């Protein structure tokens, strides 16, 4: 039986992270590029929408069709070319612009990218209804998903190196004053 995941941050008020909002605004103004937006998104929380889908209905005693059963589903966006995208939102304001009845599930940007690749989606569309829409796709989507899954080194053309701190230089005695002979 599926379980509801624990929230990343139980005290989350649903607001977009200030750094992400600023990066998206600068992107919309043309003063920042995709790299700045990706930098702001990496490591932040996104909201993935879940919506109820009617699976069974019945006609009630007054002749009105009513819900009998429903399931929760992760909606996908389907482009004119048939490619699918996973939706994600920077905050509840952007989510309700798209669909007020959607319920948010917290996930990191890397988790969303990994889920999109797992669902064989071509992209992650962030804030599809605005205020600023941003798309993560192609090699960037694959790389972010690989970072989350720990398989970055398996991507063609990617070399993974481990960076370790340099050894500390030998300690030297400092003189805080000098003596004149």
Protein backbone atom coordinates (compact mmCIF):
# COMPACT_ATOMS: atom_id res chain seq x y z
CA UNK A 1 0.00 0.00 0.00
CA UNK A 2 1.48 3.40 -0.95
CA UNK A 3 2.33 5.74 1.88
CA UNK A 4 2.28 9.50 2.04
CA UNK A 5 5.87 10.75 2.26
CA UNK A 6 7.00 12.76 5.25
CA UNK A 7 7.38 16.47 4.45
CA UNK A 8 10.88 17.79 3.86
CA UNK A 9 10.11 20.73 6.13
CA UNK A 10 7.08 20.44 8.44
CA UNK A 11 7.20 24.22 9.05
CA UNK A 12 7.05 25.08 5.33
CA UNK A 13 4.51 27.87 4.75
CA UNK A 14 4.28 27.16 1.01
CA UNK A 15 6.09 30.32 -0.09
CA UNK A 16 8.58 30.24 -2.92
CA UNK A 17 12.18 30.39 -1.72
CA UNK A 18 13.35 34.03 -2.01
CA UNK A 19 16.47 33.04 -3.99
CA UNK A 20 14.41 31.04 -6.48
CA UNK A 21 11.85 33.83 -6.89
CA UNK A 22 14.64 36.35 -7.49
CA UNK A 23 16.38 34.09 -10.02
CA UNK A 24 13.14 33.48 -11.92
CA UNK A 25 12.33 37.22 -11.96
CA UNK A 26 15.82 37.99 -13.28
CA UNK A 27 15.40 35.24 -15.89
CA UNK A 28 12.11 36.79 -17.01
CA UNK A 29 13.77 40.21 -17.22
CA UNK A 30 16.63 38.81 -19.27
CA UNK A 31 19.24 39.70 -16.63
CA UNK A 32 19.91 36.06 -15.69
CA UNK A 33 20.22 32.89 -17.68
CA UNK A 34 19.15 29.30 -17.13
CA UNK A 35 22.32 28.52 -15.17
CA UNK A 36 21.38 31.05 -12.48
CA UNK A 37 17.86 29.61 -12.22
CA UNK A 38 19.19 26.05 -12.02
CA UNK A 39 21.66 27.14 -9.37
CA UNK A 40 18.83 28.62 -7.31
CA UNK A 41 16.58 25.58 -7.82
CA UNK A 42 19.22 23.01 -6.92
CA UNK A 43 18.83 22.10 -3.29
CA UNK A 44 15.47 23.81 -2.83
CA UNK A 45 12.02 22.45 -2.22
CA UNK A 46 9.47 22.26 -5.00
CA UNK A 47 5.82 21.32 -4.74
CA UNK A 48 4.57 18.46 -6.90
CA UNK A 49 0.81 18.51 -7.48
CA UNK A 50 -1.47 15.61 -6.70
CA UNK A 51 -5.08 15.68 -7.91
CA UNK A 52 -8.11 13.49 -7.35
CA UNK A 53 -9.36 11.47 -10.31
CA UNK A 54 -12.86 10.06 -10.32
CA UNK A 55 -12.67 6.32 -10.91
CA UNK A 56 -16.25 5.39 -10.20
CA UNK A 57 -19.52 7.26 -9.85
CA UNK A 58 -23.16 6.44 -9.33
CA UNK A 59 -26.50 8.12 -9.71
CA UNK A 60 -27.91 9.07 -6.33
CA UNK A 61 -31.50 8.86 -5.18
CA UNK A 62 -32.33 12.29 -6.68
CA UNK A 63 -30.91 11.43 -10.09
CA UNK A 64 -27.66 13.34 -9.53
CA UNK A 65 -24.36 11.70 -10.46
CA UNK A 66 -22.09 11.52 -7.43
CA UNK A 67 -18.59 10.31 -6.67
CA UNK A 68 -18.27 6.75 -5.49
CA UNK A 69 -14.49 6.23 -5.68
CA UNK A 70 -11.50 8.37 -6.56
CA UNK A 71 -7.74 8.00 -6.69
CA UNK A 72 -4.95 10.50 -6.24
CA UNK A 73 -2.78 11.00 -9.31
CA UNK A 74 0.33 12.87 -10.37
CA UNK A 75 -0.70 14.88 -13.44
CA UNK A 76 1.59 15.22 -16.44
CA UNK A 77 1.65 17.86 -19.12
CA UNK A 78 1.55 16.49 -22.68
CA UNK A 79 2.98 18.69 -25.43
CA UNK A 80 1.69 18.96 -28.98
CA UNK A 81 4.53 16.67 -30.03
CA UNK A 82 3.41 14.01 -27.53
CA UNK A 83 6.29 14.48 -25.10
CA UNK A 84 5.31 14.38 -21.43
CA UNK A 85 6.48 16.64 -18.63
CA UNK A 86 6.20 16.44 -14.87
CA UNK A 87 4.84 19.58 -13.22
CA UNK A 88 6.44 21.26 -10.23
CA UNK A 89 5.82 24.56 -8.49
CA UNK A 90 7.97 26.92 -6.48
CA UNK A 91 5.16 27.65 -4.02
CA UNK A 92 1.47 27.30 -3.30
CA UNK A 93 0.67 30.61 -5.04
CA UNK A 94 2.02 29.28 -8.35
CA UNK A 95 0.29 25.94 -7.77
CA UNK A 96 -3.12 27.53 -7.23
CA UNK A 97 -2.66 29.67 -10.36
CA UNK A 98 -2.54 26.40 -12.26
CA UNK A 99 -5.16 24.40 -10.39
CA UNK A 100 -6.66 25.47 -7.05
CA UNK A 101 -7.81 21.95 -6.13
CA UNK A 102 -4.35 20.37 -6.47
CA UNK A 103 -2.64 19.26 -3.29
CA UNK A 104 1.09 19.89 -2.85
CA UNK A 105 3.69 17.27 -2.00
CA UNK A 106 7.14 18.58 -1.05
CA UNK A 107 10.14 17.27 -3.00
CA UNK A 108 13.62 18.52 -3.71
CA UNK A 109 14.41 19.66 -7.24
CA UNK A 110 16.70 16.64 -7.65
CA UNK A 111 13.93 14.27 -6.49
CA UNK A 112 11.51 15.80 -9.00
CA UNK A 113 14.05 15.38 -11.81
CA UNK A 114 14.70 11.78 -10.83
CA UNK A 115 10.95 11.07 -10.75
CA UNK A 116 10.52 12.67 -14.18
CA UNK A 117 13.23 10.48 -15.68
CA UNK A 118 11.71 7.45 -13.94
CA UNK A 119 8.35 8.30 -15.50
CA UNK A 120 10.09 8.66 -18.90
CA UNK A 121 9.04 12.31 -19.07
CA UNK A 122 11.02 14.60 -21.33
CA UNK A 123 10.98 17.57 -18.97
CA UNK A 124 10.07 19.15 -15.67
CA UNK A 125 8.01 22.29 -16.11
CA UNK A 126 8.30 24.64 -13.14
CA UNK A 127 5.41 27.07 -12.51
CA UNK A 128 3.53 26.22 -15.72
CA UNK A 129 0.91 28.93 -15.03
CA UNK A 130 3.44 31.54 -13.98
CA UNK A 131 4.43 33.95 -12.76
CA UNK A 132 7.58 32.74 -14.60
CA UNK A 133 7.71 29.35 -16.30
CA UNK A 134 11.01 27.46 -16.43
CA UNK A 135 11.72 24.12 -18.13
CA UNK A 136 14.35 21.56 -17.15
CA UNK A 137 14.92 19.11 -19.99
CA UNK A 138 17.43 17.15 -22.03
CA UNK A 139 20.92 16.53 -20.70
CA UNK A 140 20.37 18.86 -17.73
CA UNK A 141 17.34 16.83 -16.60
CA UNK A 142 19.29 13.59 -17.04
CA UNK A 143 22.25 14.95 -15.07
CA UNK A 144 20.15 16.26 -12.17
CA UNK A 145 18.30 12.93 -11.99
CA UNK A 146 21.63 11.08 -11.99
CA UNK A 147 22.92 13.26 -9.16
CA UNK A 148 19.90 12.30 -7.05
CA UNK A 149 20.19 8.59 -7.87
CA UNK A 150 23.96 8.49 -7.47
CA UNK A 151 24.51 7.38 -11.06
CA UNK A 152 26.09 10.53 -12.47
CA UNK A 153 29.23 8.66 -13.51
CA UNK A 154 27.21 6.42 -15.84
CA UNK A 155 26.14 9.27 -18.13
CA UNK A 156 28.09 9.46 -21.41
CA UNK A 157 30.66 12.23 -21.44
CA UNK A 158 30.46 12.86 -17.69
CA UNK A 159 33.52 12.45 -15.55
CA UNK A 160 33.03 12.43 -11.82
CA UNK A 161 35.83 13.54 -9.55
CA UNK A 162 35.91 13.67 -5.79
CA UNK A 163 37.23 16.93 -4.44
CA UNK A 164 38.92 16.69 -1.08
CA UNK A 165 40.17 19.58 1.00
CA UNK A 166 43.85 20.39 0.63
CA UNK A 167 46.05 19.40 3.55
CA UNK A 168 46.59 22.17 6.03
CA UNK A 169 49.96 23.93 5.75
CA UNK A 170 52.37 23.30 8.58
CA UNK A 171 51.75 25.56 11.53
CA UNK A 172 54.15 28.50 11.78
CA UNK A 173 54.69 30.56 14.80
CA UNK A 174 53.43 34.05 14.33
CA UNK A 175 55.00 37.05 15.83
CA UNK A 176 52.51 39.65 16.78
CA UNK A 177 55.21 42.27 17.20
CA UNK A 178 58.76 42.64 16.09
CA UNK A 179 61.80 43.52 18.15
CA UNK A 180 64.35 45.87 16.88
CA UNK A 181 67.86 44.96 17.93
